[in-house]
Protein backbone atom coordinates (compact mmCIF):
# COMPACT_ATOMS: atom_id res chain seq x y z
CA MET A 1 9.32 7.04 27.26
CA SER A 2 7.10 6.71 24.31
CA THR A 3 5.55 9.60 21.78
CA HIS A 4 2.49 9.25 20.74
CA ALA A 5 1.95 11.19 17.29
CA ALA A 6 -1.95 12.11 16.05
CA ALA A 7 -1.43 10.93 13.16
CA PRO A 8 -3.27 13.32 10.43
CA GLY A 9 -6.66 13.38 9.84
CA ASN A 10 -8.17 10.98 12.20
CA HIS A 11 -7.52 9.58 15.92
CA ALA A 12 -5.18 7.00 15.09
CA ARG A 13 -1.31 7.38 17.21
CA GLU A 14 1.87 7.01 15.69
CA HIS A 15 3.80 5.18 18.93
CA PHE A 16 7.00 5.84 18.70
CA HIS A 17 9.94 4.78 21.53
CA PRO A 18 13.42 5.96 22.01
CA LEU A 19 14.00 2.38 21.53
CA GLU A 20 13.43 1.37 18.90
CA VAL A 21 16.77 3.66 17.05
CA ILE A 22 18.66 -0.14 17.79
CA PRO A 23 17.33 -1.89 14.82
CA PHE A 24 16.93 -4.97 17.16
CA PHE A 25 14.05 -3.82 18.89
CA ARG A 26 11.65 -3.03 15.72
CA ARG A 27 10.72 -6.43 15.17
CA TRP A 28 7.70 -6.45 18.20
CA PRO A 29 4.34 -4.79 17.30
CA ARG A 30 4.07 -1.61 19.10
CA SER A 31 1.72 -1.70 22.42
CA GLN A 32 1.46 -0.28 25.53
CA LEU A 33 2.51 -2.87 27.14
CA ARG A 34 5.50 -3.46 25.18
CA ASP A 35 6.58 0.45 25.39
CA LEU A 36 6.58 -0.17 29.01
CA ILE A 37 8.58 -2.98 29.26
CA TYR A 38 10.97 -1.11 26.46
CA THR A 39 11.33 1.51 29.22
CA PHE A 40 12.53 -0.11 31.92
CA ILE A 41 15.37 -1.62 29.39
CA TRP A 42 15.90 2.00 28.08
CA SER A 43 15.74 3.72 31.67
CA SER A 44 18.07 0.80 33.12
CA PHE A 45 20.57 1.09 30.61
CA PHE A 46 21.07 4.73 32.35
CA GLY A 47 20.84 3.32 35.11
CA VAL A 48 24.24 1.24 34.58
CA GLY A 49 25.37 4.16 32.60
CA PHE A 50 25.17 6.89 35.69
CA TYR A 51 26.76 3.48 38.25
CA LEU A 52 29.81 3.32 36.07
CA LEU A 53 29.80 7.14 35.68
CA GLY A 54 30.02 7.13 39.85
CA THR A 55 32.42 4.67 40.11
CA LEU A 56 35.06 6.15 37.74
CA THR A 57 34.83 9.46 39.67
CA ASP A 58 35.00 7.52 42.80
CA GLY A 59 37.89 5.76 41.81
CA SER A 60 36.48 2.39 43.85
CA MET A 61 33.83 -0.10 43.16
CA GLN A 62 30.21 0.70 44.60
CA SER A 63 28.25 -0.65 46.94
CA LEU A 64 25.54 -3.31 45.15
CA ARG A 65 23.12 -1.14 47.52
CA ALA A 66 24.13 2.09 45.54
CA PHE A 67 24.28 0.35 41.82
CA GLY A 68 20.28 -0.25 43.71
CA LEU A 69 19.39 2.87 44.31
CA TYR A 70 20.90 4.00 40.38
CA MET A 71 18.53 1.91 39.20
CA LEU A 72 16.05 2.81 41.01
CA ILE A 73 15.75 6.21 40.30
CA SER A 74 16.96 6.02 36.95
CA ASN A 75 13.23 4.10 36.12
CA VAL A 76 11.55 6.36 38.72
CA VAL A 77 13.10 9.15 36.08
CA GLY A 78 12.12 6.90 32.54
CA TYR A 79 8.67 6.09 33.67
CA SER A 80 8.32 9.96 35.03
CA ILE A 81 9.31 10.85 30.83
CA HIS A 82 7.05 8.17 29.64
CA ALA A 83 4.27 9.65 31.43
CA LEU A 84 4.92 13.43 30.23
CA PHE A 85 4.93 12.17 26.88
CA HIS A 86 2.21 9.88 26.76
CA ILE A 87 -0.02 12.87 27.86
CA GLY A 88 1.59 15.31 25.83
CA GLY A 89 0.39 13.10 23.09
CA HIS A 90 -3.03 12.63 24.46
CA THR A 91 -3.43 15.97 25.18
CA GLY A 92 -2.04 17.19 21.24
CA LEU A 93 1.00 19.21 22.58
CA GLU A 94 2.96 16.77 21.13
CA GLU A 95 1.62 16.87 17.49
CA ARG A 96 1.44 20.93 17.37
CA ALA A 97 5.24 20.69 18.52
CA ARG A 98 5.81 18.37 15.62
CA ARG A 99 3.67 21.35 13.28
CA SER A 100 5.28 23.84 14.60
CA GLY A 101 8.94 25.80 13.39
CA LEU A 102 12.10 24.14 14.82
CA LEU A 103 12.59 26.11 17.49
CA LEU A 104 9.66 24.97 19.47
CA LYS A 105 10.19 21.13 19.04
CA SER A 106 13.15 21.57 20.35
CA THR A 107 11.90 23.20 23.06
CA TYR A 108 9.26 20.49 23.48
CA PHE A 109 11.87 16.75 22.95
CA SER A 110 14.54 18.85 25.36
CA GLY A 111 11.87 20.75 27.12
CA VAL A 112 9.97 17.09 28.43
CA PRO A 113 12.69 14.61 29.72
CA LEU A 114 14.00 18.09 31.42
CA LEU A 115 10.90 18.52 33.03
CA GLY A 116 10.80 14.66 33.73
CA VAL A 117 13.79 14.31 35.41
CA MET A 118 13.36 16.29 37.95
CA LEU A 119 9.17 15.38 38.35
CA GLY A 120 11.63 11.48 38.70
CA LEU A 121 13.80 13.00 41.44
CA TRP A 122 11.35 14.87 43.42
CA ILE A 123 8.68 11.12 43.01
CA SER A 124 12.07 9.22 43.99
CA SER A 125 12.59 11.53 46.88
CA PHE A 126 8.98 9.76 48.60
CA VAL A 127 10.51 6.27 47.97
CA ILE A 128 13.69 6.41 49.76
CA ASP A 129 15.06 8.35 51.78
CA VAL A 130 18.35 9.79 50.28
CA GLY A 131 18.83 13.26 51.02
CA ILE A 132 17.36 14.01 47.36
CA ARG A 133 15.22 16.73 48.97
CA ARG A 134 18.28 18.33 50.70
CA ILE A 135 19.39 18.71 47.00
CA PHE A 136 16.89 21.31 45.99
CA GLY A 137 18.26 23.43 49.08
CA ASP A 138 22.14 22.89 47.70
CA ALA A 139 23.54 25.04 44.92
CA LYS A 140 26.31 22.20 44.23
CA SER A 141 24.34 19.19 44.23
CA MET A 142 21.09 21.10 42.34
CA MET A 143 24.12 21.65 39.55
CA SER A 144 24.93 18.34 39.57
CA VAL A 145 21.11 16.93 39.06
CA VAL A 146 21.38 20.09 36.53
CA THR A 147 23.39 18.52 34.35
CA VAL A 148 22.75 14.65 34.74
CA SER A 149 19.11 16.16 33.19
CA LEU A 150 20.94 18.19 30.74
CA VAL A 151 21.89 14.51 29.58
CA ILE A 152 19.81 13.31 30.04
CA SER A 153 17.83 15.56 27.51
CA VAL A 154 20.16 15.82 24.48
CA VAL A 155 20.24 11.78 23.85
CA MET A 156 16.35 12.57 24.35
CA SER A 157 16.88 15.15 21.59
CA MET A 158 19.13 13.56 19.57
CA VAL A 159 16.73 9.85 19.36
CA PHE A 160 13.82 12.06 18.05
CA TYR A 161 16.49 14.15 15.41
CA MET A 162 17.35 11.45 14.19
CA ARG A 163 13.32 9.55 14.00
CA GLU A 164 12.36 13.07 12.54
CA ARG A 165 14.92 12.64 9.79
CA GLY A 166 14.35 8.94 9.27
CA ALA A 167 10.43 9.78 9.59
CA ALA A 168 10.91 12.60 6.86
CA ALA A 169 13.55 10.19 4.13
CA ASP A 170 10.57 7.30 4.72
CA ALA A 171 7.99 10.28 4.11
CA ALA A 172 9.73 10.99 0.82
CA LEU A 173 10.57 7.95 -0.47
CA THR A 174 6.90 7.04 0.33
CA ARG A 175 6.43 10.32 -2.49
CA GLU A 176 8.96 8.95 -4.52
CA ARG A 177 7.75 5.37 -4.84
CA LEU A 178 3.83 7.14 -5.48
CA ARG A 179 5.38 9.06 -8.06
CA VAL A 180 6.72 7.04 -10.40
CA GLU A 181 4.13 4.11 -9.88
CA ARG A 182 2.05 7.10 -11.35
CA VAL A 183 4.12 7.36 -14.11
CA GLU A 184 4.18 3.77 -14.97
CA ARG A 185 0.10 3.59 -15.34
CA GLU A 186 0.11 7.26 -16.96
CA ALA A 187 2.38 4.95 -19.77
CA THR A 188 0.52 2.81 -19.79
CA LEU A 189 -2.16 3.96 -20.05
CA ALA A 190 -0.92 5.82 -23.23
CA ASN A 191 0.95 2.47 -24.81
CA LEU A 192 -2.65 0.87 -24.29
CA ARG A 193 -4.34 4.02 -26.51
CA ALA A 194 -1.61 3.76 -28.69
CA LEU A 195 -2.23 -0.27 -29.64
CA GLN A 196 -6.09 0.79 -29.56
CA ALA A 197 -4.59 3.53 -32.10
CA GLN A 198 -2.98 0.57 -34.17
CA ILE A 199 -5.23 -1.93 -34.08
CA GLU A 200 -9.22 -0.21 -34.90
CA PRO A 201 -8.41 0.74 -38.36
CA HIS A 202 -6.61 -2.98 -38.97
CA PHE A 203 -10.11 -3.79 -37.91
CA LEU A 204 -12.33 -0.54 -38.61
CA PHE A 205 -11.33 -1.40 -42.73
CA ASN A 206 -12.16 -5.09 -42.45
CA THR A 207 -15.46 -4.39 -40.95
CA LEU A 208 -16.09 -1.41 -42.94
CA ALA A 209 -15.24 -3.91 -46.24
CA ASN A 210 -17.47 -6.64 -44.99
CA VAL A 211 -19.84 -4.15 -45.14
CA THR A 212 -19.45 -2.98 -48.71
CA SER A 213 -19.62 -6.80 -49.83
CA LEU A 214 -22.93 -7.34 -47.69
CA ILE A 215 -25.05 -4.25 -49.15
CA ASP A 216 -26.39 -5.95 -52.21
CA PRO A 217 -26.90 -9.54 -51.87
CA ASP A 218 -27.51 -8.92 -47.31
CA PRO A 219 -28.47 -5.31 -46.82
CA ALA A 220 -30.22 -6.68 -43.52
CA THR A 221 -26.74 -8.04 -42.80
CA ALA A 222 -25.72 -5.25 -43.52
CA LYS A 223 -27.37 -3.59 -41.49
CA ARG A 224 -27.27 -5.16 -38.17
CA MET A 225 -23.46 -5.27 -38.50
CA LEU A 226 -22.94 -1.92 -39.20
CA ASP A 227 -25.38 -1.35 -35.90
CA SER A 228 -23.15 -3.59 -33.94
CA PHE A 229 -19.86 -1.78 -35.19
CA ILE A 230 -20.98 1.65 -34.03
CA ARG A 231 -22.21 0.26 -30.88
CA PHE A 232 -18.32 -1.00 -30.58
CA LEU A 233 -16.75 1.85 -32.19
CA ARG A 234 -19.66 4.76 -29.74
CA ALA A 235 -17.60 2.32 -26.48
CA SER A 236 -14.44 1.99 -27.34
CA LEU A 237 -14.06 5.46 -28.13
CA ALA A 238 -15.45 6.22 -24.16
CA ALA A 239 -13.89 3.74 -22.98
CA THR A 240 -10.09 5.19 -24.14
CA ARG A 241 -11.22 9.13 -22.50
CA MET A 242 -11.81 6.99 -19.20
CA GLU A 243 -9.48 5.43 -15.78
CA HIS A 244 -11.96 3.58 -14.59
CA THR A 245 -15.33 2.11 -16.24
CA THR A 246 -17.67 -1.35 -14.81
CA LEU A 247 -17.66 -4.30 -15.79
CA ALA A 248 -21.34 -4.12 -17.15
CA ASN A 249 -19.73 -1.53 -19.39
CA GLU A 250 -16.74 -4.19 -20.55
CA SER A 251 -19.47 -6.55 -20.98
CA GLU A 252 -21.23 -4.72 -23.00
CA LEU A 253 -17.78 -3.48 -25.24
CA ILE A 254 -17.56 -6.86 -25.40
CA THR A 255 -20.47 -7.87 -26.25
CA SER A 256 -20.47 -5.11 -29.90
CA PHE A 257 -17.11 -6.72 -30.39
CA LEU A 258 -18.10 -10.01 -30.77
CA GLN A 259 -21.67 -9.38 -32.91
CA VAL A 260 -19.40 -7.75 -35.29
CA LEU A 261 -17.82 -10.73 -35.52
CA GLN A 262 -20.10 -12.88 -34.44
CA VAL A 263 -21.72 -11.66 -38.75
CA ARG A 264 -18.44 -11.82 -40.88
CA MET A 265 -17.59 -16.00 -39.08
CA GLY A 266 -21.37 -17.15 -39.43
CA ASP A 267 -22.82 -20.20 -37.13
CA ARG A 268 -18.46 -20.69 -36.82
CA LEU A 269 -18.80 -17.96 -33.58
CA ARG A 270 -21.30 -18.71 -30.33
CA PHE A 271 -20.29 -16.46 -27.76
CA ARG A 272 -22.29 -16.10 -23.99
CA ILE A 273 -22.01 -13.15 -21.59
CA ASP A 274 -22.61 -14.93 -17.70
CA ILE A 275 -22.26 -11.58 -15.46
CA ASP A 276 -23.74 -11.67 -11.20
CA PRO A 277 -26.07 -8.88 -11.68
CA GLU A 278 -24.17 -7.70 -8.18
CA LEU A 279 -21.22 -6.93 -10.02
CA ARG A 280 -22.82 -5.27 -13.26
CA GLY A 281 -20.88 -2.01 -11.66
CA PHE A 282 -17.72 -3.45 -10.23
CA GLU A 283 -15.14 -1.08 -11.66
CA LEU A 284 -11.90 -2.35 -13.61
CA PRO A 285 -9.82 -0.04 -16.26
CA PRO A 286 -11.73 -0.25 -19.18
CA MET A 287 -10.16 -1.98 -21.83
CA LEU A 288 -8.74 -4.68 -19.97
CA LEU A 289 -9.53 -7.70 -21.35
CA GLN A 290 -10.67 -7.20 -24.84
CA PRO A 291 -7.43 -8.41 -25.91
CA VAL A 292 -8.29 -11.98 -23.99
CA ILE A 293 -11.21 -11.80 -26.57
CA GLU A 294 -9.00 -11.41 -29.05
CA ASN A 295 -6.62 -13.82 -28.42
CA SER A 296 -9.68 -16.36 -27.98
CA ILE A 297 -11.01 -15.64 -31.98
CA ARG A 298 -7.74 -15.61 -33.72
CA HIS A 299 -5.64 -18.10 -31.62
CA GLY A 300 -8.89 -20.65 -30.86
CA LEU A 301 -11.63 -20.45 -33.03
CA GLU A 302 -10.21 -19.08 -36.19
CA PRO A 303 -8.40 -21.88 -37.26
CA LYS A 304 -11.09 -24.57 -36.54
CA VAL A 305 -12.70 -24.91 -38.97
CA GLU A 306 -15.78 -25.76 -37.33
CA GLY A 307 -15.58 -22.53 -34.94
CA GLY A 308 -16.84 -22.64 -31.77
CA GLU A 309 -17.98 -21.03 -28.84
CA VAL A 310 -16.43 -17.90 -26.11
CA VAL A 311 -17.98 -17.72 -22.81
CA PHE A 312 -17.36 -14.19 -20.61
CA ARG A 313 -17.80 -15.36 -16.19
CA ALA A 314 -17.83 -13.11 -14.00
CA ARG A 315 -17.61 -13.82 -9.97
CA ARG A 316 -17.34 -13.38 -6.70
CA GLU A 317 -14.56 -15.52 -5.05
CA GLY A 318 -13.57 -14.65 -0.95
CA GLY A 319 -11.97 -11.40 -1.58
CA HIS A 320 -11.85 -11.39 -5.10
CA VAL A 321 -13.87 -10.60 -8.62
CA VAL A 322 -13.17 -13.48 -10.88
CA ILE A 323 -13.16 -13.58 -14.40
CA GLU A 324 -13.33 -15.96 -16.79
CA ILE A 325 -13.13 -16.08 -20.42
CA ALA A 326 -13.36 -19.30 -22.22
CA ASP A 327 -13.07 -20.54 -25.55
CA THR A 328 -13.21 -24.32 -27.42
CA GLY A 329 -11.03 -23.69 -29.75
CA VAL A 330 -7.86 -25.07 -30.15
CA GLY A 331 -6.26 -24.36 -28.00
CA PHE A 332 -2.74 -23.02 -26.67
CA ALA A 333 0.68 -24.92 -27.05
CA PRO A 334 1.29 -26.09 -22.89
CA THR A 335 4.16 -23.61 -21.78
CA THR A 336 2.51 -20.76 -23.56
CA ARG A 337 2.35 -17.29 -22.56
CA GLY A 338 -0.84 -16.10 -24.55
CA GLY A 339 1.08 -14.09 -27.52
CA VAL A 340 1.77 -10.40 -26.99
CA GLY A 341 -1.29 -9.02 -25.77
CA LEU A 342 -1.48 -11.89 -22.67
CA SER A 343 2.01 -10.65 -21.46
CA ASN A 344 0.79 -7.16 -21.18
CA LEU A 345 -2.11 -7.55 -19.54
CA ARG A 346 0.18 -9.40 -17.16
CA ASP A 347 2.02 -6.28 -17.19
CA ARG A 348 -0.88 -3.84 -17.03
CA LEU A 349 -2.04 -5.56 -13.86
CA LYS A 350 1.07 -6.06 -12.29
CA LEU A 351 1.17 -1.88 -13.00
CA LEU A 352 -2.66 -1.21 -11.73
CA TYR A 353 -2.60 -4.35 -9.19
CA GLY A 354 0.56 -5.53 -7.59
CA GLU A 355 0.56 -8.91 -6.27
CA GLN A 356 -3.35 -8.11 -5.32
CA ALA A 357 -3.39 -9.51 -8.82
CA SER A 358 -3.27 -12.42 -11.31
CA MET A 359 -4.09 -13.39 -14.69
CA GLN A 360 -3.86 -17.86 -15.26
CA ILE A 361 -3.77 -19.82 -18.41
CA GLY A 362 -5.47 -23.66 -19.01
CA GLU A 363 -7.32 -25.66 -20.72
CA ASN A 364 -10.68 -25.81 -21.66
CA THR A 365 -12.81 -28.66 -20.81
CA PRO A 366 -13.19 -30.98 -23.31
CA ALA A 367 -11.53 -28.16 -25.94
CA GLY A 368 -9.90 -25.13 -25.77
CA THR A 369 -8.37 -22.76 -23.54
CA ILE A 370 -9.48 -20.82 -20.58
CA VAL A 371 -8.04 -17.50 -19.61
CA THR A 372 -8.72 -16.62 -15.89
CA VAL A 373 -8.75 -12.91 -14.31
CA ARG A 374 -8.54 -12.25 -10.06
CA LEU A 375 -8.98 -8.83 -9.20
CA PRO A 376 -9.03 -7.28 -5.96
CA ALA A 377 -13.00 -6.42 -5.32
């Protein structure tokens, strides 16, 4: 008595049993065996119901043999309906009915149970001789069978109507959730670009001031700083126009950024980039890691008189890509969350990846801080 609807775009099928309208029966995973068991339970409900109805009609309790006959016939009818829905699902009839108008859909979901009742009674007539075959030659008896069939059809139609309404409501909720997530991602991207628009002029003016001060005393260094700055501007401008970048492009942007700062800080800043070659094409959101580098410089190395080193590493661990940014600076306080930049990064990871991504801040050895970002591979 289960239904089978072909999923759009593939050959997977959605199995739904009328018994699942009761929340208790949704806890077990769907399978053919489970549906067969559910059909027995569902049909037995009808058998008990018709037995009690017959008892009320006769005015006295019917025999156990009568109860057994009701249960047997109800299950033969139930499995006949089950088989017809199974055939309808695998031949595509049910899917076409679902895509059609209300009239054809209602005809399918009420007609199949009606046909299943007739088929089940006919099969039962070959199993036990309870006069079922004579029913088809008697108008009064035939009317009783039609009435029973209509009752079952109405019940089944109501169940499938509730199912369709629930499925439509679930689809609407899914669409709304996806819309909200898209709006949140777009808002996050807009906030990121606004933040870049605020930060880059400050970095721009400081860099140009440094270049100006170096032109006369050290023109070679000024040229080297300007070349690195141009590469950084080109990479950051391209990043603001893309929704995704690669780990290779992100590392180039970070390298250009650090080279500019290296000219200004001199020997106080050293850095290394260590990325698994297989991960150079790995996609990630643009400008995701630069705030971590900025925090390493601003809060780790600049306050330290002798400066230190920044190491950018990326490797694969199972189903994740692990990116580490470590510095040998003064380190964060034990209770810190890394400032506004890293807090924004946490929020951005949550919006883009949900629970599949994470960021952790720990102590580096022998000194400094290590920030570990895990992204789904």
